[in-house]
N, C-alpha and C. Protein backbone atom coordinates (compact mmCIF):
# COMPACT_ATOMS: atom_id res chain seq x y z
N UNK A 1 255.50 41.09 110.55
CA UNK A 1 255.49 41.86 112.18
C UNK A 1 254.18 40.99 112.49
N UNK A 2 254.24 40.83 113.92
CA UNK A 2 253.54 40.54 114.90
C UNK A 2 252.13 41.32 115.06
N UNK A 3 251.33 41.40 115.48
CA UNK A 3 249.71 41.52 115.46
C UNK A 3 249.45 41.67 116.59
N UNK A 4 249.32 42.31 117.65
CA UNK A 4 249.31 42.14 119.00
C UNK A 4 247.59 42.21 119.72
N UNK A 5 247.06 41.87 118.48
CA UNK A 5 245.12 41.55 118.57
C UNK A 5 245.30 39.50 118.73
N UNK A 6 246.66 39.13 118.57
CA UNK A 6 246.85 38.24 118.74
C UNK A 6 246.33 37.63 120.21
N UNK A 7 245.95 38.66 121.35
CA UNK A 7 245.94 38.72 122.89
C UNK A 7 244.47 37.78 122.95
N UNK A 8 243.86 38.73 122.09
CA UNK A 8 242.34 39.05 122.27
C UNK A 8 241.91 37.45 121.20
N UNK A 9 242.16 37.18 121.18
CA UNK A 9 241.65 35.69 120.48
C UNK A 9 241.05 34.68 121.48
N UNK A 10 241.79 34.85 122.65
CA UNK A 10 241.48 33.63 123.46
C UNK A 10 242.40 32.53 123.51
N UNK A 11 243.29 32.60 122.57
CA UNK A 11 244.39 31.33 121.98
C UNK A 11 245.03 30.61 123.46
N UNK A 12 245.70 29.64 123.41
CA UNK A 12 246.25 29.23 124.67
C UNK A 12 247.58 30.11 124.91
N UNK A 13 248.58 29.27 125.25
CA UNK A 13 249.51 30.27 125.58
C UNK A 13 250.78 29.27 124.46
N UNK A 14 250.65 28.06 124.54
CA UNK A 14 251.07 27.79 122.95
C UNK A 14 251.08 28.01 122.23
N UNK A 15 249.83 28.58 121.83
CA UNK A 15 249.24 28.90 120.85
C UNK A 15 249.68 30.16 120.09
N UNK A 16 249.54 31.20 120.92
CA UNK A 16 250.10 32.78 120.81
C UNK A 16 251.89 32.75 121.06
N UNK A 17 252.43 31.94 121.86
CA UNK A 17 254.07 31.71 121.73
C UNK A 17 254.66 31.37 120.21
N UNK A 18 253.50 30.19 119.74
CA UNK A 18 253.67 29.60 118.13
C UNK A 18 254.04 30.97 117.38
N UNK A 19 252.45 31.54 117.20
CA UNK A 19 252.27 32.64 116.87
C UNK A 19 253.97 33.90 116.29
N UNK A 20 254.18 33.67 117.71
CA UNK A 20 255.06 34.89 118.15
C UNK A 20 256.50 34.54 117.07
N UNK A 21 256.84 33.27 117.64
CA UNK A 21 257.71 32.91 117.12
C UNK A 21 257.97 32.73 115.58
N UNK A 22 256.73 32.34 114.81
CA UNK A 22 256.71 32.15 113.23
C UNK A 22 257.04 33.75 113.22
N UNK A 23 256.38 34.67 113.68
CA UNK A 23 256.46 36.03 113.02
C UNK A 23 257.74 36.35 112.87
N UNK A 24 258.65 35.99 114.19
CA UNK A 24 260.25 36.63 114.19
C UNK A 24 260.86 35.59 113.21
N UNK A 25 260.37 34.45 113.01
CA UNK A 25 261.72 34.03 111.75
C UNK A 25 260.85 34.43 110.44
N UNK A 26 259.93 34.55 110.60
CA UNK A 26 259.75 35.38 108.99
C UNK A 26 260.42 36.95 108.90
N UNK A 27 260.39 37.73 109.99
CA UNK A 27 261.05 38.65 110.09
C UNK A 27 262.03 38.61 109.57
N UNK A 28 262.97 37.34 110.54
CA UNK A 28 264.43 37.22 110.34
C UNK A 28 264.86 36.40 109.11
N UNK A 29 264.18 36.52 108.11
CA UNK A 29 264.40 36.18 107.02
C UNK A 29 264.98 34.27 106.82
N UNK A 30 263.80 33.53 107.90
CA UNK A 30 264.13 32.47 108.40
C UNK A 30 262.54 31.70 107.50
N UNK A 31 262.52 30.89 106.62
CA UNK A 31 261.32 30.09 106.33
C UNK A 31 260.72 29.36 107.72
N UNK A 32 259.16 29.73 107.86
CA UNK A 32 258.34 29.24 109.61
C UNK A 32 258.12 27.43 108.95
N UNK A 33 259.62 26.46 108.83
CA UNK A 33 258.50 25.25 108.47
C UNK A 33 258.86 24.06 109.98
N UNK A 34 258.29 22.90 110.17
CA UNK A 34 258.19 22.50 111.28
C UNK A 34 259.67 22.40 111.81
N UNK A 35 260.83 22.08 110.84
CA UNK A 35 262.34 21.66 111.18
C UNK A 35 262.63 23.22 111.85
N UNK A 36 262.46 23.89 111.27
CA UNK A 36 262.62 25.80 112.15
C UNK A 36 261.69 26.01 112.87
N UNK A 37 260.52 25.37 112.92
CA UNK A 37 260.01 25.94 114.31
C UNK A 37 260.36 24.89 115.52
N UNK A 38 260.58 23.06 115.47
CA UNK A 38 260.27 22.72 116.48
C UNK A 38 262.05 22.90 116.79
N UNK A 39 262.98 23.55 116.28
CA UNK A 39 263.98 23.37 117.10
C UNK A 39 264.23 24.88 118.00
N UNK A 40 263.36 25.60 117.39
CA UNK A 40 263.66 26.66 118.69
C UNK A 40 262.61 26.77 119.66
N UNK A 41 261.25 26.18 119.41
CA UNK A 41 260.09 25.81 120.28
C UNK A 41 260.00 24.85 121.17
N UNK A 42 259.97 25.40 122.21
CA UNK A 42 260.55 24.68 123.57
C UNK A 42 258.76 23.98 124.49
N UNK A 43 258.53 23.11 123.17
CA UNK A 43 256.91 22.06 123.78
C UNK A 43 257.33 21.00 123.34
N UNK A 44 256.31 19.82 123.59
CA UNK A 44 255.98 19.11 122.89
C UNK A 44 255.68 18.84 121.88
N UNK A 45 255.99 17.74 120.62
CA UNK A 45 255.47 17.69 119.32
C UNK A 45 253.91 17.25 119.61
N UNK A 46 252.95 16.98 120.74
CA UNK A 46 251.49 16.95 121.21
C UNK A 46 251.01 18.66 120.83
N UNK A 47 251.84 19.71 121.71
CA UNK A 47 251.44 20.77 122.63
C UNK A 47 252.17 21.91 120.91
N UNK A 48 253.22 21.11 120.07
CA UNK A 48 252.72 21.92 119.38
C UNK A 48 252.45 21.83 117.71
N UNK A 49 251.99 20.46 117.91
CA UNK A 49 250.60 20.16 116.15
C UNK A 49 249.63 20.44 117.26
N UNK A 50 248.64 21.56 118.53
CA UNK A 50 247.57 21.92 118.78
C UNK A 50 247.35 23.27 118.33
N UNK A 51 249.19 23.90 119.00
CA UNK A 51 249.30 25.34 118.66
C UNK A 51 248.87 25.74 117.28
N UNK A 52 249.20 24.68 116.33
CA UNK A 52 249.78 24.72 115.57
C UNK A 52 248.12 24.57 114.55
N UNK A 53 247.56 23.60 114.81
CA UNK A 53 246.38 23.35 114.23
C UNK A 53 245.12 24.44 115.05
N UNK A 54 245.14 24.89 115.99
CA UNK A 54 244.68 25.68 116.48
C UNK A 54 244.71 27.36 115.22
N UNK A 55 246.07 27.93 115.24
CA UNK A 55 246.47 28.76 114.64
C UNK A 55 245.96 28.58 113.29
N UNK A 56 246.19 27.92 112.43
CA UNK A 56 245.79 27.29 111.03
C UNK A 56 243.77 27.91 111.54
N UNK A 57 243.47 26.91 112.13
CA UNK A 57 241.87 26.69 111.84
C UNK A 57 241.52 28.26 112.42
N UNK A 58 242.25 28.46 112.93
CA UNK A 58 241.56 30.39 112.94
C UNK A 58 242.45 31.82 112.30
N UNK A 59 243.06 30.64 110.73
CA UNK A 59 243.30 31.71 110.12
C UNK A 59 244.08 32.75 110.48
N UNK A 60 245.28 32.21 111.55
CA UNK A 60 246.16 33.20 111.96
C UNK A 60 247.19 33.32 111.27
N UNK A 61 247.72 31.73 110.76
CA UNK A 61 248.45 31.29 110.17
C UNK A 61 248.33 30.50 109.00
N UNK A 62 248.84 30.81 107.18
CA UNK A 62 248.80 29.81 106.25
C UNK A 62 249.31 28.79 105.77
N UNK A 63 249.50 27.63 105.85
CA UNK A 63 250.38 26.94 105.32
C UNK A 63 250.61 26.92 103.41
N UNK A 64 252.33 27.10 103.51
CA UNK A 64 252.10 27.56 102.16
C UNK A 64 252.90 25.93 101.61
N UNK A 65 252.49 25.21 100.41
CA UNK A 65 253.00 23.87 100.45
C UNK A 65 253.86 24.07 99.19
N UNK A 66 253.54 25.46 99.02
CA UNK A 66 255.13 25.43 97.64
C UNK A 66 256.50 25.31 97.69
N UNK A 67 256.75 25.22 98.99
CA UNK A 67 258.11 24.99 99.26
C UNK A 67 258.13 23.40 99.65
N UNK A 68 258.80 23.18 99.96
CA UNK A 68 260.03 21.75 100.62
C UNK A 68 261.02 21.65 101.41
N UNK A 69 260.65 21.46 102.53
CA UNK A 69 259.38 21.36 103.03
C UNK A 69 258.30 22.86 103.40
N UNK A 70 257.20 22.51 103.38
CA UNK A 70 255.96 23.24 103.37
C UNK A 70 256.45 24.36 104.91
N UNK A 71 256.04 25.44 104.82
CA UNK A 71 256.08 26.86 105.42
C UNK A 71 254.91 27.21 106.52
N UNK A 72 254.70 27.97 106.95
CA UNK A 72 253.86 28.59 107.77
C UNK A 72 254.04 29.99 107.97
N UNK A 73 253.28 30.83 107.41
CA UNK A 73 253.34 32.11 107.86
C UNK A 73 252.27 33.36 108.31
N UNK A 74 252.12 33.99 108.60
CA UNK A 74 250.92 34.84 109.24
C UNK A 74 249.84 35.26 107.84
N UNK A 75 248.96 35.09 108.20
CA UNK A 75 247.81 36.22 107.67
C UNK A 75 247.87 37.50 108.92
N UNK A 76 246.81 38.34 107.70
CA UNK A 76 246.76 39.86 108.01
C UNK A 76 245.41 39.79 109.61
N UNK A 77 246.15 40.05 110.26
CA UNK A 77 244.46 39.74 111.20
C UNK A 77 243.47 40.27 110.84
N UNK A 78 243.00 41.25 109.34
CA UNK A 78 241.86 41.06 109.19
C UNK A 78 240.81 39.99 108.75
N UNK A 79 242.02 38.50 108.43
CA UNK A 79 241.47 37.46 108.17
C UNK A 79 241.43 36.59 109.48
N UNK A 80 241.66 36.49 110.53
CA UNK A 80 241.48 35.81 111.45
C UNK A 80 240.20 35.61 111.83
N UNK A 81 240.12 34.50 112.56
CA UNK A 81 238.20 34.45 113.44
C UNK A 81 238.71 33.48 114.47
N UNK A 82 237.93 34.01 115.12
CA UNK A 82 238.07 33.80 116.87
C UNK A 82 237.93 32.04 116.45
N UNK A 83 238.18 31.28 117.53
CA UNK A 83 238.45 29.49 117.49
C UNK A 83 236.86 29.25 118.52
N UNK A 84 236.56 28.81 117.90
CA UNK A 84 235.14 27.97 118.81
C UNK A 84 235.26 27.61 119.71
N UNK A 85 234.71 27.19 120.43
CA UNK A 85 234.89 26.30 121.95
C UNK A 85 233.36 25.76 121.71
N UNK A 86 233.70 24.17 122.68
CA UNK A 86 232.90 23.15 122.74
C UNK A 86 232.90 22.64 121.37
N UNK A 87 231.41 21.85 121.36
CA UNK A 87 231.36 20.84 120.12
C UNK A 87 230.79 21.67 118.80
């Protein structure tokens, strides 16, 4: 289930949108793999990769390598980290 705290992290619009999509996929019983994500996410590959990196880097999503292909799943908001800005 989507946590509205996502709007307080200062992530990009693409990252927030990707988080919402991943939550929707997971809630619908669809494994959030890259194929499932890119088939539904209206952004370029570069924008998608940057958004995914931001979400994983902030611990909003975690990669699950147990399946083939790997999938991405939401962490509880208590594990999230505010993204770093600058070098």
